[in-house]
N, C-alpha and C. Protein backbone atom coordinates (compact mmCIF):
# COMPACT_ATOMS: atom_id res chain seq x y z
N MET A 1 -17.95 13.94 9.35
CA MET A 1 -16.91 14.83 9.12
C MET A 1 -15.71 14.35 8.46
N TYR A 2 -15.15 13.19 8.92
CA TYR A 2 -14.14 12.52 8.20
C TYR A 2 -14.72 11.26 7.87
N SER A 3 -14.05 10.74 6.76
CA SER A 3 -14.47 9.63 6.01
C SER A 3 -13.55 8.37 6.76
N ASP A 4 -14.00 6.95 6.40
CA ASP A 4 -13.16 5.99 6.92
C ASP A 4 -11.92 6.01 6.25
N GLU A 5 -11.99 6.48 4.76
CA GLU A 5 -10.62 6.57 4.12
C GLU A 5 -9.78 7.63 4.62
N ASP A 6 -10.19 8.58 5.15
CA ASP A 6 -9.25 9.76 5.94
C ASP A 6 -8.73 9.14 7.05
N ILE A 7 -9.63 8.54 7.92
CA ILE A 7 -9.08 8.06 9.20
C ILE A 7 -8.00 6.99 9.12
N ALA A 8 -8.37 6.14 8.08
CA ALA A 8 -7.21 5.09 7.61
C ALA A 8 -5.73 5.82 7.02
N ARG A 9 -6.07 6.82 6.40
CA ARG A 9 -4.76 7.48 5.76
C ARG A 9 -3.95 8.22 7.08
N LEU A 10 -4.66 8.69 7.87
CA LEU A 10 -4.04 9.33 9.20
C LEU A 10 -3.47 8.33 9.86
N ARG A 11 -4.24 7.11 10.14
CA ARG A 11 -3.46 6.01 10.92
C ARG A 11 -2.08 5.59 10.24
N ILE A 12 -2.19 5.70 9.02
CA ILE A 12 -0.98 5.24 8.05
C ILE A 12 0.05 6.22 8.41
N ILE A 13 -0.34 7.41 8.16
CA ILE A 13 0.81 8.26 8.51
C ILE A 13 1.27 8.33 10.01
N LYS A 14 0.43 8.25 10.72
CA LYS A 14 1.00 8.05 11.99
C LYS A 14 1.87 6.95 12.23
N TYR A 15 1.60 5.77 11.80
CA TYR A 15 2.38 4.71 11.72
C TYR A 15 3.77 4.84 11.10
N LEU A 16 3.83 5.60 9.87
CA LEU A 16 4.98 5.83 9.27
C LEU A 16 5.95 6.77 9.97
N VAL A 17 5.31 7.78 10.54
CA VAL A 17 6.00 8.81 11.40
C VAL A 17 6.49 8.05 12.66
N ASP A 18 5.72 7.64 13.48
CA ASP A 18 5.97 7.00 14.85
C ASP A 18 6.89 5.78 14.87
N GLU A 19 6.34 4.95 14.25
CA GLU A 19 7.01 3.48 14.12
C GLU A 19 8.19 3.34 13.10
N VAL A 20 8.13 3.94 12.07
CA VAL A 20 9.07 3.77 10.93
C VAL A 20 10.19 4.78 11.07
N GLY A 21 9.61 5.83 11.57
CA GLY A 21 10.52 6.98 11.81
C GLY A 21 10.73 7.81 10.49
N LEU A 22 9.82 7.82 9.52
CA LEU A 22 9.97 8.64 8.43
C LEU A 22 9.38 10.18 8.63
N ASN A 23 10.00 11.14 7.66
CA ASN A 23 9.72 12.53 7.93
C ASN A 23 8.66 12.78 6.89
N LEU A 24 8.27 13.87 6.85
CA LEU A 24 7.13 14.03 5.84
C LEU A 24 7.22 13.66 4.52
N ALA A 25 8.50 14.08 4.17
CA ALA A 25 9.00 13.81 2.66
C ALA A 25 8.92 12.20 2.25
N GLY A 26 9.34 11.46 3.49
CA GLY A 26 9.14 10.10 3.37
C GLY A 26 7.70 9.47 3.46
N VAL A 27 7.06 10.07 4.25
CA VAL A 27 5.61 9.75 4.20
C VAL A 27 4.94 9.83 2.82
N GLU A 28 5.30 10.99 2.19
CA GLU A 28 4.56 11.29 0.89
C GLU A 28 4.98 10.32 -0.06
N LEU A 29 6.34 10.25 0.01
CA LEU A 29 6.65 8.88 -0.92
C LEU A 29 6.16 7.61 -0.89
N ALA A 30 5.91 7.27 0.59
CA ALA A 30 5.45 5.94 0.86
C ALA A 30 4.01 5.92 0.57
N LEU A 31 3.20 7.12 0.63
CA LEU A 31 1.76 7.01 0.14
C LEU A 31 1.65 7.08 -1.22
N ARG A 32 2.60 7.70 -2.06
CA ARG A 32 2.39 7.32 -3.57
C ARG A 32 2.96 6.19 -3.87
N LEU A 33 3.75 5.40 -3.24
CA LEU A 33 4.07 4.07 -3.54
C LEU A 33 2.82 3.12 -3.22
N ARG A 34 2.35 3.32 -2.15
CA ARG A 34 0.95 2.59 -1.67
C ARG A 34 -0.02 2.79 -2.59
N ALA A 35 -0.30 3.90 -3.23
CA ALA A 35 -1.29 4.31 -4.37
C ALA A 35 -1.07 3.41 -5.53
N LYS A 36 0.21 3.54 -5.77
CA LYS A 36 0.71 2.71 -6.93
C LYS A 36 0.79 1.08 -7.02
N LEU A 37 0.88 0.50 -5.77
CA LEU A 37 0.75 -0.64 -5.51
C LEU A 37 -0.60 -1.27 -5.68
N TYR A 38 -1.58 -0.37 -5.02
CA TYR A 38 -3.11 -0.51 -5.39
C TYR A 38 -3.46 -0.64 -6.73
N GLU A 39 -2.80 0.38 -7.43
CA GLU A 39 -3.31 0.37 -8.86
C GLU A 39 -2.64 -0.84 -9.61
N MET A 40 -1.50 -1.43 -9.31
CA MET A 40 -0.79 -2.60 -9.80
C MET A 40 -1.63 -3.62 -9.69
N GLN A 41 -2.20 -3.83 -8.18
CA GLN A 41 -3.13 -4.70 -7.82
C GLN A 41 -4.34 -4.99 -8.66
N ASP A 42 -4.89 -3.76 -9.09
CA ASP A 42 -5.97 -3.75 -9.79
C ASP A 42 -5.59 -4.33 -11.29
N GLU A 43 -4.66 -3.84 -11.87
CA GLU A 43 -4.19 -4.19 -13.10
C GLU A 43 -3.93 -5.67 -13.14
N LEU A 44 -3.39 -6.07 -12.25
CA LEU A 44 -2.86 -7.67 -12.27
C LEU A 44 -4.23 -8.60 -12.35
N GLU A 45 -5.33 -7.95 -11.69
CA GLU A 45 -6.72 -8.62 -11.86
C GLU A 45 -7.16 -8.84 -13.26
N MET A 46 -6.52 -7.80 -14.20
CA MET A 46 -7.22 -7.79 -15.57
C MET A 46 -6.16 -8.56 -16.43
N THR A 47 -5.10 -9.06 -16.01
CA THR A 47 -4.16 -9.57 -16.97
C THR A 47 -4.15 -11.03 -17.20
N PHE A 48 -3.78 -11.71 -18.17
CA PHE A 48 -3.80 -13.08 -18.52
C PHE A 48 -2.50 -13.75 -18.24
N ILE A 49 -2.49 -14.10 -16.93
CA ILE A 49 -1.23 -14.95 -16.81
C ILE A 49 -1.89 -16.17 -15.84
N SER A 50 -0.82 -16.96 -15.57
CA SER A 50 -1.27 -18.31 -14.85
C SER A 50 -1.79 -17.85 -13.45
N ARG A 51 -2.59 -18.71 -12.89
CA ARG A 51 -3.03 -18.47 -11.46
C ARG A 51 -1.82 -18.36 -10.36
N ARG A 52 -0.88 -19.52 -10.74
CA ARG A 52 0.25 -19.35 -9.93
C ARG A 52 1.20 -18.06 -10.00
N GLN A 53 1.35 -17.66 -11.08
CA GLN A 53 2.06 -16.33 -11.13
C GLN A 53 1.18 -15.10 -10.65
N ARG A 54 -0.08 -15.54 -10.72
CA ARG A 54 -0.92 -14.13 -10.19
C ARG A 54 -1.04 -14.18 -8.72
N GLU A 55 -0.97 -15.24 -8.32
CA GLU A 55 -0.88 -15.50 -6.63
C GLU A 55 0.25 -14.97 -6.01
N ARG A 56 1.40 -15.36 -6.61
CA ARG A 56 2.92 -15.06 -6.42
C ARG A 56 2.85 -13.24 -6.28
N LEU A 57 2.52 -12.74 -7.40
CA LEU A 57 2.52 -11.41 -7.53
C LEU A 57 1.76 -10.64 -6.69
N GLN A 58 0.44 -11.20 -6.51
CA GLN A 58 -0.45 -10.60 -5.41
C GLN A 58 0.27 -10.75 -3.95
N GLN A 59 0.83 -12.04 -3.57
CA GLN A 59 1.56 -12.07 -2.35
C GLN A 59 2.52 -11.01 -2.20
N LEU A 60 3.65 -10.73 -3.17
CA LEU A 60 4.37 -9.87 -3.09
C LEU A 60 3.83 -8.17 -3.05
N ILE A 61 2.87 -8.13 -3.70
CA ILE A 61 2.02 -6.83 -3.37
C ILE A 61 1.91 -6.61 -1.95
N ARG A 62 1.24 -7.77 -1.46
CA ARG A 62 0.74 -7.65 -0.09
C ARG A 62 1.75 -7.43 0.98
N GLU A 63 3.08 -8.14 0.86
CA GLU A 63 3.96 -7.71 1.56
C GLU A 63 4.74 -6.44 1.49
N MET A 64 4.61 -5.89 0.32
CA MET A 64 4.78 -4.38 0.23
C MET A 64 4.03 -3.32 0.96
N LEU A 65 2.81 -3.70 0.68
CA LEU A 65 1.66 -3.03 1.33
C LEU A 65 1.90 -3.20 2.93
N GLN A 66 2.11 -4.24 3.38
CA GLN A 66 2.26 -4.43 4.86
C GLN A 66 3.46 -3.49 5.38
N ILE A 67 4.65 -3.51 4.62
CA ILE A 67 5.80 -2.74 4.87
C ILE A 67 5.39 -1.31 4.99
N LEU A 68 4.40 -0.91 4.09
CA LEU A 68 4.19 0.55 4.07
C LEU A 68 3.05 0.78 5.28
N GLY A 69 2.71 -0.30 5.81
CA GLY A 69 1.77 0.08 7.26
C GLY A 69 0.25 -0.19 6.85
N THR A 70 -0.02 -0.98 5.44
CA THR A 70 -1.20 -1.11 5.19
C THR A 70 -1.60 -2.61 5.39
N PRO A 71 -2.61 -2.99 6.22
CA PRO A 71 -2.84 -4.34 6.42
C PRO A 71 -3.21 -4.99 5.04
């Protein structure tokens, strides 16, 4: 009936509303930012930068995703 992705999305929405206190407009913005961070993470894998730079950028992306309620 519901996919794992649907359930994960609902959990994130619940977290953003209940724990962070966002309204629906804030939740929409957070979900769009989350999608862009995942896109950035994918792009980062294809860039030619040093391993140290890549690891630092990946860490920053993980931290931002964690702020948005994504493990």
